[in-house]
Amino acid sequence: MSEVDHLVATVKRLLKARGLTYRDLARALRISEPSVKRLFATQRLTLDRLAQICKVLGYTVAELAAESNEATPRLDSLSAAQETELVSDTKLLIVAACALNHWKADEIVAYYNLSLAECVKRLLHLDRLGLIELLPGNRIRLTVSRDFEWQPGGPIARYFREQGQSDFLDSNFHQPGEAMAFVNGMLAESAVAQVQAELRKLRNRFAELHLESVALPLERRMGMGMMLALRRWEPAAFAKLRRK
């Protein structure tokens, strides 16, 4: 569905929720009921007309757009087969990572060694996978939820573990903006549950800050990686000395 499709669907849903008919809307807009039906059928809504409809609904245009965006079905994850498609083409994976980080098509082409045609080809692939909606002018609209996750232990996770993890950890983490801490201890089950809850909060906060930063130009944003890990563990050398 296009953005206009989503807006019209949202208007219809809000009219129904308020118990308003096309006749009621026609009366408020001072046009005929067939004209209202024609507006929705052709979707030829001017900004002024949309603002008038919003006023009837008690919304601003911005609020209607936000409502439409929230109501749009979002993708929570990809299948293992779809993730395999991503990791099988490095350029596709790069474009996917950039798109998910709110890069524009021209920014991807300017930063990476990709032609516009190669970039658009991958964006169309991502559109088919459901990660994005490619709009006119090569504009990118994300269609993933805020809780979108890669498959646990799936192709993307394996790709990072095999090709990115050692590179990520190959640092002293002393540069500005970098930090690393490793702690070890013995916890009760209830304490483990509390730590897991705190990790979820931190991950959600990271996602919120990521969205807040989208408004800034690309040159003022930095690609950051944060690894959160918690598991039952002891060094292998210790385990070898454990009594049977």
Foldseek 3Di string as FASTA:
>chain_A
DDLLLLLLVLLVVLCVVVVHDLCNLCVQVVHHSVVSVVCSVVVPADQVNSQSSQVVSVHGPVRSSVVSLVPQQAAQEADLVLLVVCVVDVLLVQLLVCVVLPDALVRSVVVDVDDSVRSVVSLVVCVVRQQWPQDPPRGTGGRHDLNHDYDVVGPVVVCCVVPNPVVVPPDPQPDPPGDDDDDDDDDDPVVVVVVVVVVVVVVSVVSVVSVVCSVPDPVVDDDDDDDDDDDDDDDPVVVVPDDD
